Protein backbone atom coordinates (compact mmCIF):
# COMPACT_ATOMS: atom_id res chain seq x y z
CA MET A 1 0.03 0.21 -0.09
CA ILE A 2 1.47 3.67 -1.03
CA GLY A 3 2.41 5.41 1.87
CA CYS A 4 1.82 2.58 4.70
CA ASP A 5 4.11 1.58 7.51
CA CYS A 6 1.99 -1.30 8.67
CA ASP A 7 3.77 -4.71 9.49
CA VAL A 8 2.65 -6.26 5.95
CA CYS A 9 3.97 -3.22 3.96
CA ARG A 10 6.96 -3.40 5.90
CA SER A 11 7.60 -7.15 5.75
CA SER A 12 10.89 -8.78 4.80
CA ASP A 13 8.69 -11.85 3.76
CA PRO A 14 8.61 -11.97 -0.21
CA ARG A 15 5.29 -13.81 -0.11
CA ASP A 16 3.81 -10.35 1.43
CA LYS A 17 5.02 -8.18 -1.62
CA ARG A 18 1.88 -8.59 -3.82
CA LEU A 19 1.03 -7.32 -7.19
CA ARG A 20 -2.46 -7.41 -8.98
CA SER A 21 -4.00 -10.62 -9.10
CA SER A 22 -4.08 -12.57 -12.42
CA ILE A 23 -3.15 -16.12 -13.42
CA TYR A 24 -1.33 -17.76 -16.25
CA ILE A 25 -2.23 -21.14 -17.60
CA GLN A 26 0.05 -23.44 -19.85
CA THR A 27 -1.38 -26.37 -21.48
CA PRO A 28 -0.05 -28.79 -23.96
CA GLU A 29 -1.94 -27.16 -26.64
CA CYS A 30 -1.57 -23.36 -25.82
CA SER A 31 -1.16 -20.85 -22.84
CA PHE A 32 -3.15 -18.00 -21.56
CA VAL A 33 -3.84 -15.20 -19.27
CA VAL A 34 -6.73 -14.44 -17.23
CA ASP A 35 -6.85 -10.70 -16.41
CA THR A 36 -3.78 -7.87 -17.64
CA GLY A 37 -3.67 -5.69 -14.56
CA THR A 38 -1.46 -2.77 -14.15
CA ASP A 39 1.40 -5.07 -13.44
CA PHE A 40 1.21 -7.44 -16.31
CA ARG A 41 4.62 -6.37 -17.77
CA THR A 42 6.12 -6.84 -14.53
CA GLN A 43 4.60 -10.27 -13.80
CA ALA A 44 5.54 -11.37 -17.38
CA LEU A 45 9.06 -10.14 -17.25
CA ARG A 46 9.31 -11.98 -13.55
CA GLU A 47 8.00 -15.22 -14.61
CA ASN A 48 9.78 -15.29 -18.00
CA ILE A 49 6.19 -15.83 -19.90
CA ARG A 50 7.38 -15.68 -23.81
CA ARG A 51 3.71 -17.20 -25.01
CA VAL A 52 0.37 -15.88 -24.89
CA ASP A 53 -2.23 -17.03 -27.16
CA ALA A 54 -5.32 -15.95 -25.78
CA VAL A 55 -6.36 -13.45 -22.92
CA ILE A 56 -9.83 -13.66 -20.82
CA PHE A 57 -10.82 -11.21 -18.92
CA THR A 58 -13.09 -11.29 -15.44
CA HIS A 59 -14.22 -7.36 -15.62
CA SER A 60 -13.00 -4.25 -16.58
CA HIS A 61 -11.80 -2.87 -13.37
CA THR A 62 -8.79 -0.79 -13.66
CA ASP A 63 -6.48 -3.23 -11.84
CA HIS A 64 -7.59 -6.15 -14.09
CA ILE A 65 -7.24 -4.49 -17.60
CA MET A 66 -4.43 -1.85 -17.15
CA GLY A 67 -1.87 -3.80 -18.62
CA PHE A 68 -3.83 -4.79 -21.98
CA ASP A 69 -1.17 -2.73 -24.10
CA ASP A 70 1.44 -5.03 -22.95
CA LEU A 71 -0.03 -8.05 -24.95
CA ARG A 72 1.44 -6.57 -28.04
CA ARG A 73 4.94 -8.67 -27.72
CA PHE A 74 2.77 -11.71 -27.44
CA ALA A 75 0.82 -10.74 -30.76
CA TYR A 76 3.41 -9.62 -32.49
CA ALA A 77 4.23 -13.04 -34.68
CA ARG A 78 0.65 -13.77 -35.70
CA GLY A 79 -0.54 -9.76 -35.82
CA TYR A 80 -3.33 -10.41 -33.38
CA MET A 81 -4.67 -11.55 -30.07
CA PRO A 82 -7.77 -13.31 -29.20
CA VAL A 83 -9.93 -11.46 -26.37
CA TYR A 84 -12.53 -13.29 -24.38
CA ALA A 85 -14.99 -11.28 -22.19
CA SER A 86 -18.45 -10.84 -21.35
CA ALA A 87 -20.47 -8.32 -23.32
CA GLU A 88 -20.07 -5.57 -20.79
CA THR A 89 -16.59 -6.10 -20.36
CA MET A 90 -15.50 -6.06 -24.03
CA ARG A 91 -17.80 -2.69 -24.41
CA ASP A 92 -15.20 -1.05 -21.58
CA LEU A 93 -12.16 -2.57 -23.40
CA GLU A 94 -13.33 -1.30 -26.54
CA ARG A 95 -13.88 2.27 -25.09
CA VAL A 96 -10.61 2.60 -23.11
CA TYR A 97 -8.66 0.69 -26.00
CA GLU A 98 -10.12 2.07 -28.80
CA PHE A 99 -7.07 2.79 -30.80
CA ALA A 100 -6.36 -0.87 -30.76
CA PHE A 101 -10.06 -2.23 -31.38
CA LYS A 102 -10.22 0.56 -34.13
CA GLY A 103 -7.39 0.10 -35.67
CA LEU A 104 -6.06 3.56 -35.51
CA ASN A 105 -2.70 2.35 -35.32
CA PRO A 106 -1.99 0.91 -38.46
CA PHE A 107 1.66 0.23 -37.84
CA PRO A 108 3.36 -3.28 -37.68
CA GLY A 109 3.75 -4.75 -34.02
CA TYR A 110 0.63 -2.78 -32.57
CA LEU A 111 -2.01 -4.64 -30.80
CA LYS A 112 -4.53 -5.95 -33.09
CA PRO A 113 -7.29 -7.54 -30.50
CA GLU A 114 -9.91 -10.33 -31.83
CA PRO A 115 -12.79 -9.98 -29.81
CA HIS A 116 -15.13 -13.13 -28.51
CA ILE A 117 -17.91 -12.21 -26.58
CA ILE A 118 -18.42 -15.08 -23.71
CA ASP A 119 -21.88 -16.25 -23.34
CA GLY A 120 -21.39 -19.90 -22.20
CA PRO A 121 -18.60 -22.59 -21.97
CA PHE A 122 -15.86 -22.18 -24.61
CA GLN A 123 -12.73 -24.08 -25.39
CA LEU A 124 -8.88 -23.05 -25.54
CA GLY A 125 -7.44 -26.41 -26.61
CA LEU A 126 -8.56 -29.36 -24.90
CA THR A 127 -9.36 -26.94 -21.70
CA THR A 128 -13.14 -26.26 -21.36
CA ILE A 129 -13.59 -22.67 -19.70
CA THR A 130 -16.74 -22.44 -17.90
CA PRO A 131 -18.03 -18.72 -17.18
CA LEU A 132 -18.98 -18.26 -13.50
CA PRO A 133 -20.80 -14.80 -13.05
CA VAL A 134 -20.52 -13.75 -9.12
CA PRO A 135 -21.73 -10.56 -7.41
CA HIS A 136 -18.95 -7.99 -6.92
CA GLY A 137 -20.67 -5.58 -4.99
CA ASN A 138 -23.05 -3.97 -7.22
CA THR A 139 -21.85 -5.36 -10.51
CA THR A 140 -21.44 -8.91 -12.11
CA VAL A 141 -18.15 -10.18 -12.82
CA ASN A 142 -17.04 -13.50 -14.49
CA GLY A 143 -15.04 -16.34 -12.41
CA TYR A 144 -14.07 -19.19 -14.25
CA LEU A 145 -14.21 -22.92 -14.14
CA PHE A 146 -11.52 -24.74 -16.19
CA SER A 147 -11.80 -28.35 -16.87
CA ARG A 148 -9.90 -30.87 -18.70
CA SER A 149 -11.04 -34.48 -19.97
CA GLY A 150 -14.24 -33.96 -17.92
CA ARG A 151 -11.93 -33.44 -14.85
CA LYS A 152 -12.59 -29.83 -12.85
CA LEU A 153 -9.32 -28.62 -12.12
CA VAL A 154 -9.31 -24.76 -11.05
CA ALA A 155 -12.49 -22.43 -10.11
CA TYR A 156 -10.81 -18.88 -10.32
CA LEU A 157 -13.08 -16.53 -8.30
CA SER A 158 -10.75 -13.53 -8.08
CA ASP A 159 -13.19 -10.73 -7.11
CA CYS A 160 -16.62 -11.48 -5.40
CA SER A 161 -18.88 -10.40 -2.68
CA GLY A 162 -20.43 -13.56 -2.66
CA VAL A 163 -20.90 -16.79 -4.53
CA PRO A 164 -24.66 -18.29 -5.52
CA ASP A 165 -25.34 -21.82 -4.45
CA HIS A 166 -25.90 -22.74 -8.33
CA ILE A 167 -22.70 -21.30 -8.91
CA ALA A 168 -21.27 -23.31 -5.75
CA GLY A 169 -22.63 -26.58 -7.42
CA THR A 170 -21.29 -26.06 -10.49
CA ILE A 171 -17.78 -26.12 -9.23
CA ALA A 172 -18.58 -28.28 -6.23
CA GLY A 173 -15.43 -30.79 -6.01
CA VAL A 174 -13.19 -28.84 -8.13
CA LYS A 175 -9.66 -29.71 -7.28
CA ILE A 176 -8.27 -26.27 -6.41
CA LEU A 177 -10.55 -23.36 -5.43
CA ILE A 178 -8.73 -19.88 -5.88
CA ILE A 179 -11.07 -17.34 -4.34
CA ASP A 180 -11.14 -13.79 -3.46
CA ALA A 181 -10.34 -13.10 0.32
CA LEU A 182 -9.70 -9.66 0.75
CA ARG A 183 -8.92 -9.26 4.79
CA GLU A 184 -10.43 -10.56 8.01
CA LYS A 185 -12.99 -7.34 8.37
CA PRO A 186 -16.14 -7.40 5.92
CA HIS A 187 -16.25 -5.37 2.88
CA PRO A 188 -19.04 -4.35 0.75
CA THR A 189 -17.28 -5.84 -2.81
CA HIS A 190 -15.30 -8.40 -1.66
CA LEU A 191 -15.02 -11.42 0.45
CA SER A 192 -13.92 -11.70 3.87
CA VAL A 193 -11.51 -14.68 5.12
CA GLY A 194 -14.63 -16.18 7.19
CA GLN A 195 -16.98 -15.61 4.18
CA ALA A 196 -14.15 -17.20 1.68
CA LEU A 197 -13.95 -20.09 4.28
CA GLU A 198 -17.65 -20.82 4.45
CA ILE A 199 -17.83 -21.21 0.59
CA ALA A 200 -14.75 -23.54 0.59
CA ASN A 201 -16.75 -25.65 2.90
CA GLN A 202 -19.74 -25.73 0.51
CA VAL A 203 -17.80 -26.26 -2.58
CA GLN A 204 -15.11 -29.09 -0.75
CA PRO A 205 -12.27 -28.58 -3.29
CA ASN A 206 -9.15 -30.52 -2.56
CA GLU A 207 -7.30 -27.29 -1.66
CA THR A 208 -8.33 -23.69 -1.26
CA TYR A 209 -6.10 -20.69 -2.35
CA PHE A 210 -7.12 -17.29 -1.14
CA THR A 211 -6.21 -14.29 -3.72
CA HIS A 212 -6.90 -10.56 -4.31
CA ILE A 213 -5.73 -10.09 -0.26
CA ALA A 214 -5.18 -6.49 1.28
CA HIS A 215 -2.37 -5.53 3.17
CA GLU A 216 -4.40 -6.13 6.27
CA LEU A 217 -3.78 -9.96 5.89
CA PRO A 218 -0.36 -11.32 6.53
CA GLN A 219 0.92 -14.40 4.85
CA LEU A 220 1.58 -15.69 8.49
CA ALA A 221 -2.09 -15.80 8.68
CA GLU A 222 -2.17 -18.90 6.79
CA GLU A 223 -1.13 -20.73 10.07
CA ARG A 224 -4.27 -19.92 11.52
CA LEU A 225 -6.37 -21.39 8.83
CA PRO A 226 -8.00 -24.74 8.52
CA PRO A 227 -6.20 -27.55 6.84
CA GLY A 228 -6.13 -27.44 2.93
CA ARG A 229 -6.86 -23.68 3.48
CA ARG A 230 -3.80 -21.46 1.95
CA ILE A 231 -2.92 -18.06 1.34
CA ALA A 232 -1.61 -17.45 -2.28
CA TYR A 233 1.76 -15.81 -3.23
CA ASP A 234 2.98 -13.89 -6.09
CA GLY A 235 4.69 -16.64 -8.64
CA GLN A 236 2.99 -19.53 -6.89
CA LYS A 237 2.81 -22.42 -9.59
CA LEU A 238 0.28 -25.50 -9.47
CA VAL A 239 0.94 -28.35 -11.61
CA PHE A 240 -1.66 -30.88 -12.64
CA GLU A 241 -1.04 -34.36 -13.97
């Protein structure tokens, strides 16, 4: 947090140094990123990411879209970048990045988005991606379920203030649940730790990872969590056989 001297902001634990929430997924067929936040360039350099075949957006808040233009590096060879988002999010992207969507910069190497409106499950390679509409305060945003060969591998709910019962049912038994858990105190647009734990108990994943964490929640708080409930950290990698 800018200008803050709390224990987390002054922590020497590298896991307390958090950039904006995002995930990068590699499969044998293709690689893609969910959200391009303000820190996307820094994250891509840190993790030595060399390939992005598509981008998926949860919603259009600035902390999830403001690295969009840095996708140009990954689109350079083929000249375009598939972009997946809800109709509302796509409208915002088209407004904010008008120069890209309308081709106002004709020079070689500039980003040329290829928009795909999400209105149901879709495929990237052999991965089935199911949108999970959830409330984020007064708005609705998309989480996503990632499945392969009928196996529910990851449910990603980075920004939400609740999870409707039918969404919890859709992701029930998922291997990994990655879910918003901003802090201990309640918040109007994000889940608290207690609320995230309740949802995890309902979904019954193999493991749960908390994300979109504020500076009020230190990494050491993981020691107080029940078994199988963890606090995600930047650069963490999960591998599925």
